Amino acid sequence: MSFSKIIPFSDLTLSGLYEILALRAEVFVVEQNCPYQDLDGKDQGSLHACLSIDDELWAYCRIIPPGLAYPDSSIGRVVTCSKARGKGYGKKLMKLSINECWKRYPNNDILIMAQSYLVDFYHEFNFEVEEDEFLEDGIPHRWMRLKPIKKSQ
């Protein structure tokens, strides 16, 4: 059985937090061979979007409110476990997270720092590339932005 949820940091259980950090380390540090400082002080003020299958975390990201890291809201640390890839769970997680941003921060853009090879994935959600490619922890990235849809009067 699958379920998804948005959890404030204060409501994460110790085992839930451990599972999130383990998945982030498994993919970003081990699989991508990129030692970096994952614990950056932003988790405590963020919301945590979790998609689980049979009580196992398959996809995760954090939603950063405006003003915590950037003037606009942000979605970051987007990750899926290896067995979840290609099955639509990343897309489901992004839809959930974008909708949560619009609900909580309706007048703010959503900013992401996307690994360059995922630009097309984020284009599917109408994120647009800003600025030139740059290296973050040795991995090519692009800033991307999603603007709120203006409703006609």
Protein backbone atom coordinates (compact mmCIF):
# COMPACT_ATOMS: atom_id res chain seq x y z
CA MET A 1 0.00 0.00 0.00
CA SER A 2 1.31 3.46 -0.88
CA PHE A 3 0.75 6.74 0.90
CA SER A 4 2.17 10.22 0.77
CA LYS A 5 2.27 12.88 3.43
CA ILE A 6 3.64 16.32 4.21
CA ILE A 7 5.24 16.45 7.66
CA PRO A 8 6.62 19.42 9.62
CA PHE A 9 10.03 18.68 11.13
CA SER A 10 8.60 18.76 14.67
CA ASP A 11 6.23 15.90 13.77
CA LEU A 12 8.88 13.59 12.31
CA THR A 13 9.56 10.50 14.39
CA LEU A 14 13.15 9.54 15.08
CA SER A 15 12.80 6.52 12.82
CA GLY A 16 11.18 8.67 10.12
CA LEU A 17 14.01 11.20 10.26
CA TYR A 18 16.55 8.37 10.17
CA GLU A 19 14.86 6.92 7.08
CA ILE A 20 14.93 10.31 5.32
CA LEU A 21 18.59 10.94 6.12
CA ALA A 22 19.52 7.37 5.13
CA LEU A 23 17.84 7.77 1.71
CA ARG A 24 19.48 11.14 1.11
CA ALA A 25 22.90 9.69 2.00
CA GLU A 26 22.31 6.53 -0.06
CA VAL A 27 21.60 8.51 -3.23
CA PHE A 28 23.42 11.83 -2.92
CA VAL A 29 26.57 10.71 -1.09
CA VAL A 30 27.06 7.03 -1.97
CA GLU A 31 25.37 6.53 -5.36
CA GLN A 32 26.42 9.90 -6.78
CA ASN A 33 29.82 9.69 -5.06
CA CYS A 34 29.44 13.21 -3.71
CA PRO A 35 30.50 13.86 -0.14
CA TYR A 36 28.76 17.07 0.89
CA GLN A 37 27.28 18.69 3.99
CA ASP A 38 23.68 17.44 3.85
CA LEU A 39 22.67 18.76 7.27
CA ASP A 40 22.53 22.46 6.46
CA GLY A 41 20.22 23.79 9.18
CA LYS A 42 17.20 24.11 6.86
CA ASP A 43 15.45 20.83 7.72
CA GLN A 44 14.05 22.16 10.99
CA GLY A 45 12.11 24.97 9.30
CA SER A 46 11.03 22.91 6.28
CA LEU A 47 8.15 20.60 5.48
CA HIS A 48 9.05 17.06 4.50
CA ALA A 49 7.19 15.34 1.66
CA CYS A 50 7.37 11.56 1.94
CA LEU A 51 6.02 8.92 -0.41
CA SER A 52 6.11 5.42 1.08
CA ILE A 53 5.27 1.98 -0.25
CA ASP A 54 4.58 -0.77 2.29
CA ASP A 55 6.02 1.39 5.11
CA GLU A 56 9.28 1.99 3.21
CA LEU A 57 10.32 5.47 2.04
CA TRP A 58 10.56 5.45 -1.76
CA ALA A 59 10.59 9.18 -2.56
CA TYR A 60 11.27 12.30 -0.54
CA CYS A 61 11.84 16.04 -0.79
CA ARG A 62 11.75 19.01 1.48
CA ILE A 63 9.69 22.14 1.00
CA ILE A 64 11.49 25.25 2.18
CA PRO A 65 9.28 28.24 3.05
CA PRO A 66 10.00 31.72 1.66
CA GLY A 67 12.72 33.50 3.60
CA LEU A 68 14.44 30.42 5.06
CA ALA A 69 16.91 29.92 2.22
CA TYR A 70 15.68 32.22 -0.58
CA PRO A 71 13.11 35.01 -0.90
CA ASP A 72 10.76 32.50 -2.61
CA SER A 73 9.70 29.01 -1.59
CA SER A 74 11.87 26.12 -2.68
CA ILE A 75 11.73 22.37 -3.20
CA GLY A 76 14.97 20.54 -2.58
CA ARG A 77 16.68 17.27 -1.71
CA VAL A 78 14.35 15.57 -4.23
CA VAL A 79 15.25 11.90 -4.16
CA THR A 80 13.86 8.48 -5.04
CA CYS A 81 15.27 5.12 -4.05
CA SER A 82 16.73 3.07 -6.90
CA LYS A 83 13.83 0.59 -7.06
CA ALA A 84 11.30 3.45 -7.37
CA ARG A 85 12.83 5.08 -10.44
CA GLY A 86 10.96 5.01 -13.72
CA LYS A 87 7.66 4.18 -12.01
CA GLY A 88 6.22 7.68 -11.68
CA TYR A 89 6.83 8.14 -7.95
CA GLY A 90 9.12 11.14 -8.47
CA LYS A 91 6.42 12.84 -10.55
CA LYS A 92 3.78 12.08 -7.94
CA LEU A 93 6.03 13.53 -5.23
CA MET A 94 6.71 16.70 -7.25
CA LYS A 95 2.99 17.24 -7.94
CA LEU A 96 2.25 16.84 -4.23
CA SER A 97 5.05 19.25 -3.28
CA ILE A 98 4.16 21.89 -5.87
CA ASN A 99 0.53 21.81 -4.77
CA GLU A 100 1.60 22.18 -1.13
CA CYS A 101 3.74 25.21 -2.06
CA TRP A 102 0.82 26.84 -3.90
CA LYS A 103 -1.49 26.12 -0.95
CA ARG A 104 0.85 27.51 1.70
CA TYR A 105 2.70 30.20 -0.29
CA PRO A 106 0.30 31.11 -3.14
CA ASN A 107 1.99 34.31 -4.28
CA ASN A 108 5.56 33.01 -4.30
CA ASP A 109 7.60 31.48 -7.07
CA ILE A 110 9.10 28.05 -6.43
CA LEU A 111 12.86 27.93 -6.87
CA ILE A 112 14.87 24.74 -7.31
CA MET A 113 18.54 23.96 -7.80
CA ALA A 114 18.24 21.07 -10.26
CA GLN A 115 20.96 18.68 -11.26
CA SER A 116 21.43 19.48 -14.96
CA TYR A 117 20.55 15.99 -16.18
CA LEU A 118 17.08 16.45 -14.60
CA VAL A 119 16.17 19.72 -16.36
CA ASP A 120 13.77 17.93 -18.73
CA PHE A 121 12.07 16.21 -15.77
CA TYR A 122 11.42 19.59 -14.14
CA HIS A 123 10.31 21.13 -17.46
CA GLU A 124 7.37 18.68 -17.29
CA PHE A 125 6.14 20.74 -14.32
CA ASN A 126 6.75 24.05 -16.17
CA PHE A 127 9.90 25.01 -14.29
CA GLU A 128 12.06 27.32 -16.42
CA VAL A 129 15.85 27.44 -16.42
CA GLU A 130 17.51 30.60 -15.09
CA GLU A 131 21.15 31.55 -15.47
CA ASP A 132 24.04 29.43 -16.70
CA GLU A 133 24.99 25.96 -15.55
CA PHE A 134 27.22 25.86 -12.46
CA LEU A 135 28.91 23.24 -10.32
CA GLU A 136 27.55 22.47 -6.86
CA ASP A 137 29.65 19.93 -4.98
CA GLY A 138 31.23 18.94 -8.31
CA ILE A 139 27.87 18.18 -9.99
CA PRO A 140 26.44 20.37 -12.82
CA HIS A 141 23.28 22.21 -11.70
CA ARG A 142 20.81 24.77 -13.04
CA TRP A 143 18.59 27.19 -11.16
CA MET A 144 14.97 26.71 -12.21
CA ARG A 145 11.85 28.66 -11.31
CA LEU A 146 8.12 27.98 -11.40
CA LYS A 147 5.91 31.06 -11.29
CA PRO A 148 2.37 30.95 -9.91
CA ILE A 149 -0.38 30.86 -12.49
CA LYS A 150 -2.17 34.18 -12.51
CA LYS A 151 -5.94 33.72 -12.47
CA SER A 152 -7.87 35.96 -14.83
CA GLN A 153 -10.31 38.36 -13.20
